[in-house]
Structure formats: structure tokens, C-alpha cells
């Protein structure tokens, strides 16, 4: 197992630092930037006709989406810069070649800590901060599996293929959050365009490239490199591939919801419909006046 001394021992403490950092960043950006911006976007005459509950729900969701767009856009640009500098990024046969003695740059180490910290933060945020949707259980499972997978890829030295997996997944989220922001601000053309890009990227990256290149590489081609070792890392191999297959199941589940959204869009003459995951579920709004998180629970529309 390629656990790399000081770097590995500092992985979890620094990951937790990132988690706390994301909480603080979200807290201050929400108060100082995102919610004021959302209030400005919903200050038109049409928006003022909404009742306070609906308007507040839109402000909360707008803030969530712009926060996620800020993060996913930033890390996607970061990981593409990292991949561009790595000679192994475009050759799947090199993902496991030389394992467990592959060199990991400091930039890639920091990227892994950042990503793992974000998903640990996301577990907390999903429970106590963000809008509660119908796929809550699946989303929570996804965040847990992703956090474990990122840490596992780092500690076992499977970081090359792990980097490509993260790059594939973040791209779709950039399009999704942009589409949501357009929808919330009633920019229907932009919502339709970015939702189309989101659906296309999901299909190509998560349902075609991910299983037929990435999982194929980790489950089949990896054996070519790993069997050269004195002892084949059987346990590491099966745990890693089980987590990848679990992610694929999540992708298929969400693709079904995306297809429902596409059907609604076609029925609405090209306009993106409301999120099929939303409904009379409950959301917990952030409220700094009552301890850290408000205990008030009120029903919301999308």
C-alpha cells in the first residue's frame, strides 16, 4: 500500500482544515455576497409580487447554486491545469504503471485534500444547511462514497485515475448550477442551453467515458500493471472498483431524473421545467441569529 509517510499522516488533519474553511467561506460569502446578490436579482416588480415564503425560498436556492458554481468552476479549472502538466493524463495504461512508487506533485496533493474536505463539508451542509430534496438519501450516500473514494485513492496511491474521475464529474456540475441560476432568474434561453449541456456532459462523461474507459481501466487494464508486483493488492483492487461501480449506480439513478426533466422540457416547448427532485419537502434555512443553524422548518416550493 502506497502510504507516503508525512504526506499521508497530514492528509486527514489538512482535509478537516479545508472542511472548516469551506464552512467559513460559505458563511461569509452567503451573508456578504450571495444573498445580497440574490435579493438584487429578485427585486424586480414581478419578483416583488411573490409572497415572502416563495421569494425567500428562491433566494436560498440561488445562494446555494452560486456557491456551488463558484466551487465547481474553480476546481474544474484547477484540475484541468494539473492534468495538462501530467504526461500520464491521456494514457489510461499509465494510470497504474509503476504503482505504488508513482510521484505525486504538491499541487495534486493539495487538490486531493481540497476535494475531500469539500465533500466532508457537503455531508454536514446537506443535513443542516441546504435545501432538502427528494433524492436526499442518494445524495448523502454519494457524498459519503465520494469522500471515502478520494481519501482512499490518495492513501493507496491510486491518485492518477482518481484525478481523472474528479475531472469528469465536476464538469457536469458547472453546467447544472449555471442552468439553475438561469432558471431562478427566469432566463429561459440560458436555462435551456445550459441544461442541454449538462445532460449531454452527463451522458458522455458519466455514462459512457466513466464506465467504458475509467472503470474498464481500473478493473481490467490495471491488472496488467499490478500483476507485475510480487503480491497483487487484491483487497485494494476490489474495494476501489466497488466504490466506482457504486458511483455508476448513482449516475444511472440521476440520469433517469434527467430524462424526466428532458421530457418536461419538450412538453413545455423548450422551457426547462422545475426540478423533479423538488416538492413539498422541508428545508432548513441558515439563520445566524439563532445559534448556528435555525431550527425553523418550513415547507417550500422549488
Protein backbone atom coordinates (compact mmCIF):
# COMPACT_ATOMS: atom_id res chain seq x y z
CA UNK A 1 0.00 0.00 0.00
CA UNK A 2 1.49 3.31 -1.10
CA UNK A 3 1.06 5.40 2.02
CA UNK A 4 3.64 8.14 1.68
CA UNK A 5 4.85 8.98 5.19
CA UNK A 6 4.43 12.61 6.29
CA UNK A 7 2.10 13.49 3.43
CA UNK A 8 -0.29 10.66 4.34
CA UNK A 9 -0.17 11.41 8.07
CA UNK A 10 -1.11 15.03 7.40
CA UNK A 11 -3.86 14.23 4.88
CA UNK A 12 -6.77 13.98 7.29
CA UNK A 13 -5.86 16.95 9.53
CA UNK A 14 -5.43 19.19 6.47
CA UNK A 15 -8.62 17.80 4.95
CA UNK A 16 -10.52 18.81 8.07
CA UNK A 17 -8.93 22.27 7.86
CA UNK A 18 -10.34 22.55 4.34
CA UNK A 19 -13.76 21.39 5.58
CA UNK A 20 -13.86 24.10 8.25
CA UNK A 21 -12.53 26.59 5.71
CA UNK A 22 -15.38 25.80 3.32
CA UNK A 23 -17.91 26.27 6.10
CA UNK A 24 -16.46 29.68 6.96
CA UNK A 25 -16.22 30.70 3.31
CA UNK A 26 -19.82 29.71 2.67
CA UNK A 27 -20.99 31.52 5.81
CA UNK A 28 -19.35 34.84 4.91
CA UNK A 29 -19.99 34.66 1.17
CA UNK A 30 -23.65 33.90 1.86
CA UNK A 31 -24.03 36.94 4.11
CA UNK A 32 -21.82 39.38 2.23
CA UNK A 33 -22.16 38.39 -1.43
CA UNK A 34 -24.59 35.66 -2.45
CA UNK A 35 -27.75 36.61 -0.58
CA UNK A 36 -27.42 40.35 -1.31
CA UNK A 37 -26.88 39.44 -4.96
CA UNK A 38 -29.90 37.12 -4.88
CA UNK A 39 -32.03 39.83 -3.26
CA UNK A 40 -30.99 42.23 -6.00
CA UNK A 41 -31.85 39.70 -8.73
CA UNK A 42 -35.31 39.21 -7.20
CA UNK A 43 -36.01 42.90 -6.67
CA UNK A 44 -37.93 43.40 -9.93
CA UNK A 45 -41.63 44.20 -9.94
CA UNK A 46 -42.52 40.65 -10.96
CA UNK A 47 -40.42 39.20 -8.15
CA UNK A 48 -41.99 41.54 -5.61
CA UNK A 49 -45.38 40.02 -6.44
CA UNK A 50 -44.21 36.72 -4.95
CA UNK A 51 -45.21 36.03 -1.39
CA UNK A 52 -42.38 36.25 1.12
CA UNK A 53 -42.11 32.49 1.54
CA UNK A 54 -41.62 31.82 -2.18
CA UNK A 55 -39.19 34.72 -2.58
CA UNK A 56 -37.14 33.57 0.43
CA UNK A 57 -37.01 30.02 -0.97
CA UNK A 58 -35.69 31.35 -4.29
CA UNK A 59 -33.05 33.44 -2.54
CA UNK A 60 -31.90 30.40 -0.56
CA UNK A 61 -31.68 28.25 -3.68
CA UNK A 62 -29.98 30.98 -5.71
CA UNK A 63 -27.34 31.30 -2.96
CA UNK A 64 -26.77 27.54 -2.92
CA UNK A 65 -26.32 27.35 -6.67
CA UNK A 66 -23.95 30.29 -6.99
CA UNK A 67 -21.83 28.89 -4.14
CA UNK A 68 -21.62 25.52 -5.86
CA UNK A 69 -20.88 27.15 -9.22
CA UNK A 70 -18.06 29.12 -7.59
CA UNK A 71 -16.56 25.95 -6.17
CA UNK A 72 -17.06 23.57 -9.10
CA UNK A 73 -15.92 26.15 -11.64
CA UNK A 74 -12.76 26.84 -9.65
CA UNK A 75 -11.77 23.22 -9.03
CA UNK A 76 -12.57 22.25 -12.63
CA UNK A 77 -10.18 24.91 -13.90
CA UNK A 78 -7.62 23.77 -11.30
CA UNK A 79 -7.77 20.08 -12.18
CA UNK A 80 -7.56 20.80 -15.92
CA UNK A 81 -4.36 22.78 -15.29
CA UNK A 82 -2.98 19.85 -13.27
CA UNK A 83 -3.92 17.29 -15.93
CA UNK A 84 -2.39 19.41 -18.68
CA UNK A 85 1.00 19.18 -16.95
CA UNK A 86 0.87 15.43 -16.29
CA UNK A 87 2.23 13.09 -19.03
CA UNK A 88 0.01 10.21 -17.86
CA UNK A 89 -3.32 12.03 -18.09
CA UNK A 90 -4.27 10.93 -21.63
CA UNK A 91 -2.88 7.39 -21.47
CA UNK A 92 -5.04 5.03 -19.39
CA UNK A 93 -2.30 2.39 -19.43
CA UNK A 94 -0.13 4.70 -17.31
CA UNK A 95 -2.67 5.16 -14.53
CA UNK A 96 -1.30 2.15 -12.63
CA UNK A 97 2.12 1.79 -14.28
CA UNK A 98 4.85 1.98 -11.63
CA UNK A 99 2.43 1.73 -8.71
CA UNK A 100 2.99 2.08 -5.75
CA UNK A 101 6.06 4.25 -6.42
CA UNK A 102 4.41 6.94 -8.54
CA UNK A 103 5.37 10.56 -7.93
CA UNK A 104 2.63 12.91 -6.73
CA UNK A 105 3.13 16.65 -7.13
CA UNK A 106 2.41 19.02 -4.24
CA UNK A 107 -0.31 20.68 -6.32
CA UNK A 108 -2.09 17.35 -6.76
CA UNK A 109 -1.76 16.58 -3.04
CA UNK A 110 -3.37 19.90 -2.20
CA UNK A 111 -6.11 19.29 -4.76
CA UNK A 112 -7.00 15.95 -3.14
CA UNK A 113 -7.15 17.49 0.33
CA UNK A 114 -9.34 20.29 -1.01
CA UNK A 115 -11.76 17.93 -2.76
CA UNK A 116 -12.02 15.53 0.16
CA UNK A 117 -12.55 18.46 2.53
CA UNK A 118 -15.32 19.84 0.33
CA UNK A 119 -17.27 16.59 0.29
CA UNK A 120 -16.92 16.17 4.04
CA UNK A 121 -18.24 19.72 4.41
CA UNK A 122 -21.02 18.84 1.93
CA UNK A 123 -22.22 15.99 4.18
CA UNK A 124 -22.75 18.48 7.01
CA UNK A 125 -24.26 21.10 4.69
CA UNK A 126 -26.70 18.61 3.18
CA UNK A 127 -28.02 17.67 6.62
CA UNK A 128 -28.27 21.10 8.24
CA UNK A 129 -27.94 23.83 5.65
CA UNK A 130 -29.08 23.10 2.12
CA UNK A 131 -32.50 22.63 0.55
CA UNK A 132 -33.86 19.18 1.33
CA UNK A 133 -34.89 17.39 -1.87
CA UNK A 134 -36.41 14.01 -2.66
CA UNK A 135 -33.05 12.45 -3.53
CA UNK A 136 -31.62 13.34 -0.11
CA UNK A 137 -30.68 9.73 0.78
CA UNK A 138 -28.98 9.14 -2.57
CA UNK A 139 -27.15 12.46 -2.38
CA UNK A 140 -25.96 11.71 1.15
CA UNK A 141 -24.75 8.26 0.05
CA UNK A 142 -22.97 9.88 -2.89
CA UNK A 143 -21.15 12.40 -0.67
CA UNK A 144 -20.05 9.67 1.76
CA UNK A 145 -18.81 7.35 -1.01
CA UNK A 146 -17.04 10.22 -2.79
CA UNK A 147 -15.30 11.36 0.40
CA UNK A 148 -14.11 7.82 1.11
CA UNK A 149 -13.09 7.28 -2.52
CA UNK A 150 -10.99 10.47 -2.65
CA UNK A 151 -9.21 9.63 0.61
CA UNK A 152 -8.77 6.02 -0.48
CA UNK A 153 -7.31 6.98 -3.87
CA UNK A 154 -4.84 9.30 -2.15
CA UNK A 155 -3.72 6.90 0.57
CA UNK A 156 -3.44 3.84 -1.66
CA UNK A 157 -1.65 5.69 -4.43
CA UNK A 158 -4.46 5.30 -6.97
CA UNK A 159 -4.35 9.06 -7.42
CA UNK A 160 -3.80 9.17 -11.18
CA UNK A 161 -7.09 7.55 -12.10
CA UNK A 162 -8.73 9.33 -9.16
CA UNK A 163 -7.74 12.71 -10.61
CA UNK A 164 -9.36 11.87 -13.95
CA UNK A 165 -12.54 10.72 -12.17
CA UNK A 166 -12.80 14.04 -10.32
CA UNK A 167 -12.24 15.98 -13.54
CA UNK A 168 -15.03 14.07 -15.29
CA UNK A 169 -17.55 14.62 -12.52
CA UNK A 170 -17.06 18.32 -11.78
CA UNK A 171 -17.64 19.37 -15.41
CA UNK A 172 -21.33 18.39 -15.35
CA UNK A 173 -21.91 20.25 -12.09
CA UNK A 174 -20.71 23.53 -13.62
CA UNK A 175 -23.40 23.31 -16.32
CA UNK A 176 -26.06 22.21 -13.82
CA UNK A 177 -25.58 25.09 -11.40
CA UNK A 178 -25.44 27.61 -14.26
CA UNK A 179 -28.73 26.24 -15.60
CA UNK A 180 -30.31 26.56 -12.14
CA UNK A 181 -29.22 30.19 -11.79
CA UNK A 182 -30.71 30.98 -15.21
CA UNK A 183 -33.94 29.24 -14.23
CA UNK A 184 -34.23 31.05 -10.90
CA UNK A 185 -33.73 34.42 -12.62
CA UNK A 186 -36.16 33.46 -15.42
CA UNK A 187 -33.53 33.49 -18.19
CA UNK A 188 -35.23 30.65 -20.05
CA UNK A 189 -32.90 30.57 -23.07
CA UNK A 190 -29.85 30.30 -20.84
CA UNK A 191 -31.56 27.68 -18.67
CA UNK A 192 -32.39 25.56 -21.73
CA UNK A 193 -28.89 25.91 -23.20
CA UNK A 194 -27.01 25.01 -20.02
CA UNK A 195 -29.42 22.24 -19.10
CA UNK A 196 -28.80 20.74 -22.55
CA UNK A 197 -25.03 20.97 -22.00
CA UNK A 198 -25.47 19.44 -18.56
CA UNK A 199 -27.47 16.48 -19.90
CA UNK A 200 -25.03 15.94 -22.76
CA UNK A 201 -21.97 16.10 -20.50
CA UNK A 202 -23.62 13.71 -18.03
CA UNK A 203 -24.28 11.19 -20.78
CA UNK A 204 -20.84 11.44 -22.36
CA UNK A 205 -18.67 11.76 -19.24
CA UNK A 206 -20.53 9.79 -16.57
CA UNK A 207 -22.40 7.14 -18.53
CA UNK A 208 -20.04 6.49 -21.45
CA UNK A 209 -16.48 7.58 -20.67
CA UNK A 210 -16.61 6.74 -16.96
CA UNK A 211 -17.73 3.08 -17.26
CA UNK A 212 -16.19 2.18 -20.64
CA UNK A 213 -12.81 3.83 -20.11
CA UNK A 214 -12.28 4.56 -16.44
CA UNK A 215 -13.93 1.53 -14.82
CA UNK A 216 -12.55 -0.67 -17.60
CA UNK A 217 -9.08 0.65 -16.83
CA UNK A 218 -9.40 0.21 -13.05
CA UNK A 219 -10.94 -3.27 -13.27
CA UNK A 220 -9.19 -4.79 -16.28
CA UNK A 221 -6.21 -2.83 -17.56
CA UNK A 222 -4.92 -2.25 -14.02
CA UNK A 223 -4.30 -5.98 -13.68
CA UNK A 224 -1.65 -5.76 -16.42
CA UNK A 225 0.39 -3.37 -14.27
CA UNK A 226 -0.46 -4.66 -10.81
CA UNK A 227 0.19 -8.34 -11.55
CA UNK A 228 3.86 -7.46 -12.10
CA UNK A 229 4.12 -6.90 -8.36
CA UNK A 230 5.33 -9.60 -6.02
CA UNK A 231 1.93 -9.62 -4.33
CA UNK A 232 -1.23 -8.47 -6.11
CA UNK A 233 -3.15 -5.91 -3.97
CA UNK A 234 -6.41 -7.87 -4.10
CA UNK A 235 -8.22 -6.07 -1.26
CA UNK A 236 -7.33 -2.60 -2.55
CA UNK A 237 -8.39 -3.59 -6.05
CA UNK A 238 -11.84 -4.84 -5.07
CA UNK A 239 -12.63 -2.01 -2.64
CA UNK A 240 -11.68 0.65 -5.19
CA UNK A 241 -13.68 -0.88 -8.03
CA UNK A 242 -16.69 -1.48 -5.80
CA UNK A 243 -16.79 2.24 -4.99
CA UNK A 244 -16.55 3.13 -8.69
CA UNK A 245 -19.44 0.81 -9.52
CA UNK A 246 -21.43 2.38 -6.69
CA UNK A 247 -20.89 5.81 -8.25
CA UNK A 248 -22.08 4.43 -11.57
CA UNK A 249 -25.32 3.27 -9.93
CA UNK A 250 -25.86 6.83 -8.63
CA UNK A 251 -25.22 8.18 -12.14
CA UNK A 252 -27.83 5.88 -13.64
CA UNK A 253 -30.36 6.87 -10.96
CA UNK A 254 -29.85 10.59 -11.64
CA UNK A 255 -29.88 10.01 -15.41
CA UNK A 256 -33.42 8.71 -15.02
CA UNK A 257 -34.36 12.02 -13.36
CA UNK A 258 -32.55 13.97 -16.07
CA UNK A 259 -34.59 12.13 -18.71
CA UNK A 260 -37.78 13.11 -16.87
CA UNK A 261 -36.60 16.73 -16.96
CA UNK A 262 -35.92 16.44 -20.70
CA UNK A 263 -39.44 15.11 -21.27
CA UNK A 264 -40.87 18.01 -19.25
CA UNK A 265 -38.78 20.43 -21.29
CA UNK A 266 -40.12 19.00 -24.56
CA UNK A 267 -43.69 19.24 -23.23
CA UNK A 268 -43.04 22.84 -22.16
CA UNK A 269 -41.98 23.87 -25.69
CA UNK A 270 -38.29 24.00 -24.83
CA UNK A 271 -38.52 25.66 -21.42
CA UNK A 272 -36.75 23.90 -18.57
CA UNK A 273 -39.30 22.68 -16.03
CA UNK A 274 -38.99 22.73 -12.28
CA UNK A 275 -36.55 20.33 -10.63
CA UNK A 276 -38.25 16.92 -10.44
CA UNK A 277 -36.47 16.34 -7.12
CA UNK A 278 -38.31 19.25 -5.52
CA UNK A 279 -41.71 19.18 -3.94
CA UNK A 280 -43.34 19.55 -0.55
CA UNK A 281 -40.15 18.52 1.23
CA UNK A 282 -38.63 20.55 4.04
CA UNK A 283 -35.70 22.91 4.01
CA UNK A 284 -33.70 24.34 6.88
CA UNK A 285 -32.65 27.93 6.20
CA UNK A 286 -29.45 29.31 7.58
CA UNK A 287 -30.06 31.81 10.37
CA UNK A 288 -27.11 33.27 12.25
CA UNK A 289 -29.39 34.94 14.80
CA UNK A 290 -30.34 31.69 16.48
CA UNK A 291 -27.17 29.86 17.39
CA UNK A 292 -25.56 28.44 14.24
CA UNK A 293 -28.45 26.92 12.35
CA UNK A 294 -32.09 27.80 12.63
CA UNK A 295 -34.44 25.15 13.96
CA UNK A 296 -37.26 26.64 11.98
CA UNK A 297 -38.57 24.22 9.36
CA UNK A 298 -40.99 25.43 6.73
CA UNK A 299 -42.31 23.81 3.53
CA UNK A 300 -41.11 25.23 0.24
CA UNK A 301 -41.82 25.09 -3.47
CA UNK A 302 -38.88 24.96 -5.89
